[in-house]
Each structure stands twice: as C-alpha cells, then as structure tokens.
C-alpha cells in the first residue's frame, strides 16, 4: 500500500485492523493516501506505519496506474483464451451444421 509516497507491507496487520481486513485489501496495490486520511486515523495508527514501511514509491504521491486499474476491477491477461474462443465456437457450429446435414 502506498501512503504519501511511501510503500508499506501491511500484510501482517490485516487481521488486527480495527475496520476489518477487507478495507485494507481494497486500498492495497494503489495509492491509499486519500483513503487513509479520509478515515481520520489516530496518531497511534499513523505512528504504526513505521513498523510496516518497506520503501519509497518512485512515482512520489502519484497513483500507480496499473495498480489502480486492477483495483478497479479491470482484468489482466486472458488474451490467448479470448483469441481462441471465437474460432473454436465457429468451428463447433460449423461441425454441428455439417453433421446435421448428413
């Protein structure tokens, strides 16, 4: 998770998060600065971030584009399946039509 341009691995904290792990997971893989600040975390919560700090995000406070896209539900991959699905369906239909005409 990125907060104010710093990267945090909060995996170990998921089960302890007072708001539930799902909130943290929803904000992971993207810039969670706005989410973190909107909640109004306590001073203690802000100090706890130091325990999970792993580095700086090269983009500073900017949102990592690919992570945001994935977090919003855009799926990656599947290109081979999609590329083969239509030709396979067409071949199947052609085969069935051929068999019915026999």
N, C-alpha and C. Protein backbone atom coordinates (compact mmCIF):
# COMPACT_ATOMS: atom_id res chain seq x y z
N UNK A 1 0.85 -1.16 0.00
CA UNK A 1 0.00 0.00 0.00
C UNK A 1 0.90 1.23 0.00
N UNK A 2 0.47 2.25 -0.71
CA UNK A 2 1.23 3.49 -0.77
C UNK A 2 0.47 4.58 -0.03
N UNK A 3 1.15 5.23 0.89
CA UNK A 3 0.57 6.36 1.62
C UNK A 3 1.61 7.47 1.63
N UNK A 4 1.25 8.60 1.08
CA UNK A 4 2.14 9.76 0.99
C UNK A 4 3.48 9.40 0.36
N UNK A 5 3.44 8.60 -0.72
CA UNK A 5 4.65 8.27 -1.46
C UNK A 5 5.53 7.23 -0.82
N UNK A 6 5.08 6.65 0.29
CA UNK A 6 5.86 5.61 0.96
C UNK A 6 5.12 4.29 0.83
N UNK A 7 5.88 3.21 0.64
CA UNK A 7 5.30 1.89 0.44
C UNK A 7 5.32 1.13 1.77
N UNK A 8 4.17 0.52 2.09
CA UNK A 8 4.03 -0.24 3.32
C UNK A 8 3.52 -1.63 3.01
N UNK A 9 4.12 -2.64 3.66
CA UNK A 9 3.61 -4.00 3.57
C UNK A 9 2.82 -4.25 4.84
N UNK A 10 1.52 -4.13 4.73
CA UNK A 10 0.63 -4.25 5.90
C UNK A 10 0.00 -5.63 6.01
N UNK A 11 0.55 -6.59 5.30
CA UNK A 11 0.00 -7.95 5.30
C UNK A 11 -0.14 -8.50 6.71
N UNK A 12 0.87 -8.32 7.54
CA UNK A 12 0.85 -8.85 8.91
C UNK A 12 -0.20 -8.16 9.78
N UNK A 13 -0.68 -7.01 9.36
CA UNK A 13 -1.63 -6.23 10.15
C UNK A 13 -3.09 -6.49 9.75
N UNK A 14 -3.32 -7.20 8.67
CA UNK A 14 -4.67 -7.38 8.14
C UNK A 14 -5.66 -7.89 9.17
N UNK A 15 -5.29 -8.92 9.92
CA UNK A 15 -6.22 -9.50 10.90
C UNK A 15 -6.45 -8.59 12.11
N UNK A 16 -5.53 -7.66 12.35
CA UNK A 16 -5.64 -6.78 13.50
C UNK A 16 -6.33 -5.45 13.19
N UNK A 17 -6.51 -5.13 11.92
CA UNK A 17 -7.06 -3.83 11.54
C UNK A 17 -8.47 -3.67 12.12
N UNK A 18 -8.69 -2.61 12.91
CA UNK A 18 -10.00 -2.41 13.57
C UNK A 18 -11.17 -2.30 12.60
N UNK A 19 -10.93 -1.81 11.40
CA UNK A 19 -12.01 -1.66 10.43
C UNK A 19 -12.23 -2.90 9.58
N UNK A 20 -11.44 -3.94 9.83
CA UNK A 20 -11.55 -5.17 9.06
C UNK A 20 -10.51 -5.24 7.96
N UNK A 21 -10.12 -6.44 7.64
CA UNK A 21 -9.07 -6.62 6.63
C UNK A 21 -9.53 -6.21 5.23
N UNK A 22 -10.83 -6.33 4.95
CA UNK A 22 -11.31 -6.04 3.59
C UNK A 22 -11.09 -4.59 3.18
N UNK A 23 -11.13 -3.69 4.14
CA UNK A 23 -10.90 -2.27 3.84
C UNK A 23 -9.45 -2.07 3.41
N UNK A 24 -8.54 -2.72 4.11
CA UNK A 24 -7.12 -2.59 3.79
C UNK A 24 -6.84 -3.24 2.43
N UNK A 25 -7.42 -4.40 2.19
CA UNK A 25 -7.21 -5.10 0.93
C UNK A 25 -7.74 -4.26 -0.24
N UNK A 26 -8.87 -3.60 -0.05
CA UNK A 26 -9.44 -2.77 -1.12
C UNK A 26 -8.53 -1.59 -1.48
N UNK A 27 -7.76 -1.12 -0.52
CA UNK A 27 -6.86 0.01 -0.76
C UNK A 27 -5.45 -0.43 -1.13
N UNK A 28 -5.20 -1.73 -1.13
CA UNK A 28 -3.85 -2.20 -1.44
C UNK A 28 -3.59 -2.20 -2.94
N UNK A 29 -2.33 -2.12 -3.29
CA UNK A 29 -1.95 -2.12 -4.69
C UNK A 29 -2.17 -0.78 -5.36
N UNK A 30 -2.45 0.23 -4.60
CA UNK A 30 -2.67 1.56 -5.17
C UNK A 30 -2.26 2.60 -4.13
N UNK A 31 -2.40 3.84 -4.50
CA UNK A 31 -2.12 4.92 -3.57
C UNK A 31 -3.31 5.04 -2.62
N UNK A 32 -3.10 4.68 -1.37
CA UNK A 32 -4.17 4.70 -0.37
C UNK A 32 -4.16 5.95 0.48
N UNK A 33 -3.43 6.98 0.06
CA UNK A 33 -3.31 8.21 0.85
C UNK A 33 -4.67 8.81 1.17
N UNK A 34 -5.48 8.98 0.14
CA UNK A 34 -6.79 9.61 0.34
C UNK A 34 -7.67 8.78 1.27
N UNK A 35 -7.70 7.46 1.06
CA UNK A 35 -8.49 6.59 1.92
C UNK A 35 -8.00 6.68 3.36
N UNK A 36 -6.68 6.64 3.54
CA UNK A 36 -6.09 6.68 4.88
C UNK A 36 -6.43 7.98 5.60
N UNK A 37 -6.33 9.10 4.89
CA UNK A 37 -6.58 10.40 5.50
C UNK A 37 -8.07 10.65 5.74
N UNK A 38 -8.93 10.17 4.84
CA UNK A 38 -10.37 10.40 4.98
C UNK A 38 -10.93 9.75 6.24
N UNK A 39 -10.37 8.62 6.62
CA UNK A 39 -10.86 7.89 7.79
C UNK A 39 -10.56 8.64 9.08
N UNK A 40 -9.51 9.43 9.08
CA UNK A 40 -9.14 10.17 10.29
C UNK A 40 -8.42 9.27 11.28
N UNK A 41 -7.39 8.57 10.81
CA UNK A 41 -6.63 7.68 11.68
C UNK A 41 -6.00 8.44 12.84
N UNK A 42 -5.90 7.75 13.96
CA UNK A 42 -5.32 8.33 15.17
C UNK A 42 -3.82 8.53 15.00
N UNK A 43 -3.25 9.26 15.92
CA UNK A 43 -1.79 9.47 15.93
C UNK A 43 -1.09 8.13 16.08
N UNK A 44 -1.65 7.26 16.92
CA UNK A 44 -1.07 5.93 17.13
C UNK A 44 -1.05 5.14 15.82
N UNK A 45 -2.15 5.20 15.08
CA UNK A 45 -2.21 4.48 13.80
C UNK A 45 -1.16 5.02 12.84
N UNK A 46 -1.00 6.33 12.81
CA UNK A 46 0.00 6.93 11.93
C UNK A 46 1.42 6.54 12.34
N UNK A 47 1.65 6.43 13.63
CA UNK A 47 2.97 6.02 14.12
C UNK A 47 3.24 4.55 13.80
N UNK A 48 2.20 3.73 13.78
CA UNK A 48 2.34 2.30 13.48
C UNK A 48 2.82 2.06 12.05
N UNK A 49 2.59 3.00 11.16
CA UNK A 49 3.03 2.83 9.78
C UNK A 49 4.52 2.55 9.68
N UNK A 50 5.29 3.13 10.59
CA UNK A 50 6.74 2.94 10.56
C UNK A 50 7.12 1.46 10.66
N UNK A 51 6.31 0.67 11.37
CA UNK A 51 6.58 -0.76 11.53
C UNK A 51 6.42 -1.53 10.22
N UNK A 52 5.68 -0.97 9.27
CA UNK A 52 5.37 -1.66 8.03
C UNK A 52 6.02 -1.03 6.80
N UNK A 53 6.82 0.00 7.03
CA UNK A 53 7.49 0.73 5.95
C UNK A 53 8.50 -0.17 5.25
N UNK A 54 8.43 -0.21 3.88
CA UNK A 54 9.41 -1.01 3.13
C UNK A 54 10.16 -0.20 2.08
N UNK A 55 9.73 1.03 1.80
CA UNK A 55 10.46 1.84 0.83
C UNK A 55 9.65 2.99 0.29
N UNK A 56 10.25 3.69 -0.67
CA UNK A 56 9.62 4.84 -1.30
C UNK A 56 9.02 4.42 -2.64
N UNK A 57 7.89 4.98 -2.99
CA UNK A 57 7.30 4.75 -4.30
C UNK A 57 7.97 5.71 -5.26
N UNK A 58 8.50 5.21 -6.35
CA UNK A 58 9.24 6.03 -7.30
C UNK A 58 8.41 7.16 -7.89
N UNK A 59 7.11 6.97 -7.96
CA UNK A 59 6.22 7.99 -8.51
C UNK A 59 5.83 9.05 -7.51
N UNK A 60 6.43 9.03 -6.33
CA UNK A 60 6.07 10.00 -5.29
C UNK A 60 4.66 9.78 -4.80
N UNK A 61 3.88 10.83 -4.73
CA UNK A 61 2.50 10.72 -4.26
C UNK A 61 1.54 10.32 -5.38
N UNK A 62 2.06 10.14 -6.59
CA UNK A 62 1.21 9.81 -7.74
C UNK A 62 0.65 8.39 -7.62
N UNK A 63 -0.50 8.19 -8.22
CA UNK A 63 -1.12 6.87 -8.24
C UNK A 63 -0.39 5.96 -9.23
N UNK A 64 -0.07 4.73 -8.82
CA UNK A 64 0.48 3.79 -9.79
C UNK A 64 -0.63 3.32 -10.72
N UNK A 65 -0.54 3.67 -11.98
CA UNK A 65 -1.63 3.47 -12.94
C UNK A 65 -2.08 2.03 -13.04
N UNK A 66 -1.17 1.08 -13.20
CA UNK A 66 -1.60 -0.31 -13.39
C UNK A 66 -2.26 -0.85 -12.12
N UNK A 67 -1.75 -0.50 -10.97
CA UNK A 67 -2.35 -1.00 -9.75
C UNK A 67 -3.75 -0.44 -9.57
N UNK A 68 -3.96 0.81 -9.91
CA UNK A 68 -5.29 1.40 -9.79
C UNK A 68 -6.26 0.72 -10.74
N UNK A 69 -5.84 0.42 -11.95
CA UNK A 69 -6.71 -0.25 -12.91
C UNK A 69 -7.12 -1.62 -12.42
N UNK A 70 -6.19 -2.36 -11.89
CA UNK A 70 -6.51 -3.69 -11.39
C UNK A 70 -7.44 -3.58 -10.19
N UNK A 71 -7.18 -2.63 -9.32
CA UNK A 71 -8.01 -2.48 -8.14
C UNK A 71 -9.45 -2.11 -8.49
N UNK A 72 -9.65 -1.44 -9.61
CA UNK A 72 -11.00 -1.05 -10.01
C UNK A 72 -11.70 -2.17 -10.77
N UNK A 73 -11.08 -3.32 -10.86
CA UNK A 73 -11.75 -4.46 -11.45
C UNK A 73 -11.38 -4.80 -12.88
N UNK A 74 -10.49 -4.06 -13.47
CA UNK A 74 -10.09 -4.41 -14.82
C UNK A 74 -9.20 -5.64 -14.75
N UNK A 75 -9.50 -6.63 -15.55
CA UNK A 75 -8.75 -7.87 -15.52
C UNK A 75 -7.61 -7.82 -16.51
N UNK A 76 -6.53 -8.44 -16.10
CA UNK A 76 -5.37 -8.55 -16.98
C UNK A 76 -5.32 -9.97 -17.52
N UNK A 77 -4.68 -10.13 -18.66
CA UNK A 77 -4.47 -11.46 -19.20
C UNK A 77 -5.70 -12.02 -19.89
N UNK A 78 -5.67 -13.33 -20.13
CA UNK A 78 -6.78 -13.98 -20.79
C UNK A 78 -6.77 -13.80 -22.29
N UNK A 79 -5.73 -13.22 -22.85
CA UNK A 79 -5.68 -12.94 -24.27
C UNK A 79 -5.73 -14.18 -25.14
N UNK A 80 -5.02 -15.24 -24.73
CA UNK A 80 -4.99 -16.47 -25.51
C UNK A 80 -6.37 -17.11 -25.53
N UNK A 81 -7.01 -17.17 -24.38
CA UNK A 81 -8.35 -17.76 -24.30
C UNK A 81 -9.33 -16.98 -25.16
N UNK A 82 -9.30 -15.67 -25.04
CA UNK A 82 -10.21 -14.84 -25.83
C UNK A 82 -9.94 -14.98 -27.33
N UNK A 83 -8.68 -15.09 -27.70
CA UNK A 83 -8.33 -15.19 -29.10
C UNK A 83 -8.76 -16.52 -29.71
N UNK A 84 -8.80 -17.57 -28.91
CA UNK A 84 -9.17 -18.89 -29.40
C UNK A 84 -10.65 -19.20 -29.26
N UNK A 85 -11.33 -18.53 -28.37
CA UNK A 85 -12.72 -18.84 -28.08
C UNK A 85 -13.63 -18.68 -29.29
N UNK A 86 -13.58 -17.56 -29.96
CA UNK A 86 -14.46 -17.32 -31.11
C UNK A 86 -14.20 -18.31 -32.25
N UNK A 87 -12.94 -18.52 -32.66
CA UNK A 87 -12.71 -19.52 -33.72
C UNK A 87 -13.18 -20.92 -33.33
N UNK A 88 -13.01 -21.30 -32.07
CA UNK A 88 -13.46 -22.61 -31.63
C UNK A 88 -14.98 -22.71 -31.69
N UNK A 89 -15.67 -21.66 -31.28
CA UNK A 89 -17.14 -21.67 -31.35
C UNK A 89 -17.63 -21.75 -32.79
N UNK A 90 -16.99 -21.01 -33.68
CA UNK A 90 -17.37 -21.05 -35.10
C UNK A 90 -17.13 -22.45 -35.66
N UNK A 91 -16.00 -23.06 -35.33
CA UNK A 91 -15.69 -24.41 -35.80
C UNK A 91 -16.70 -25.41 -35.26
N UNK A 92 -17.08 -25.28 -34.01
CA UNK A 92 -18.06 -26.17 -33.40
C UNK A 92 -19.41 -26.06 -34.09
N UNK A 93 -19.85 -24.85 -34.33
CA UNK A 93 -21.14 -24.63 -35.01
C UNK A 93 -21.09 -25.20 -36.43
N UNK A 94 -19.99 -24.96 -37.13
CA UNK A 94 -19.85 -25.49 -38.49
C UNK A 94 -19.89 -27.01 -38.48
N UNK A 95 -19.23 -27.61 -37.52
CA UNK A 95 -19.22 -29.07 -37.40
C UNK A 95 -20.64 -29.60 -37.13
N UNK A 96 -21.35 -28.96 -36.22
CA UNK A 96 -22.72 -29.40 -35.90
C UNK A 96 -23.64 -29.26 -37.11
N UNK A 97 -23.53 -28.16 -37.82
CA UNK A 97 -24.34 -27.96 -39.03
C UNK A 97 -24.00 -29.04 -40.06
N UNK A 98 -22.73 -29.31 -40.25
CA UNK A 98 -22.29 -30.35 -41.20
C UNK A 98 -22.87 -31.71 -40.82
N UNK A 99 -22.80 -32.05 -39.53
CA UNK A 99 -23.28 -33.34 -39.05
C UNK A 99 -24.80 -33.47 -39.21
N UNK A 100 -25.50 -32.37 -39.03
CA UNK A 100 -26.97 -32.40 -39.15
C UNK A 100 -27.41 -32.59 -40.60
N UNK A 101 -26.62 -32.16 -41.56
CA UNK A 101 -26.95 -32.27 -42.98
C UNK A 101 -26.66 -33.67 -43.53
N UNK A 102 -25.99 -34.49 -42.83
CA UNK A 102 -25.63 -35.85 -43.30
C UNK A 102 -26.81 -36.70 -43.38
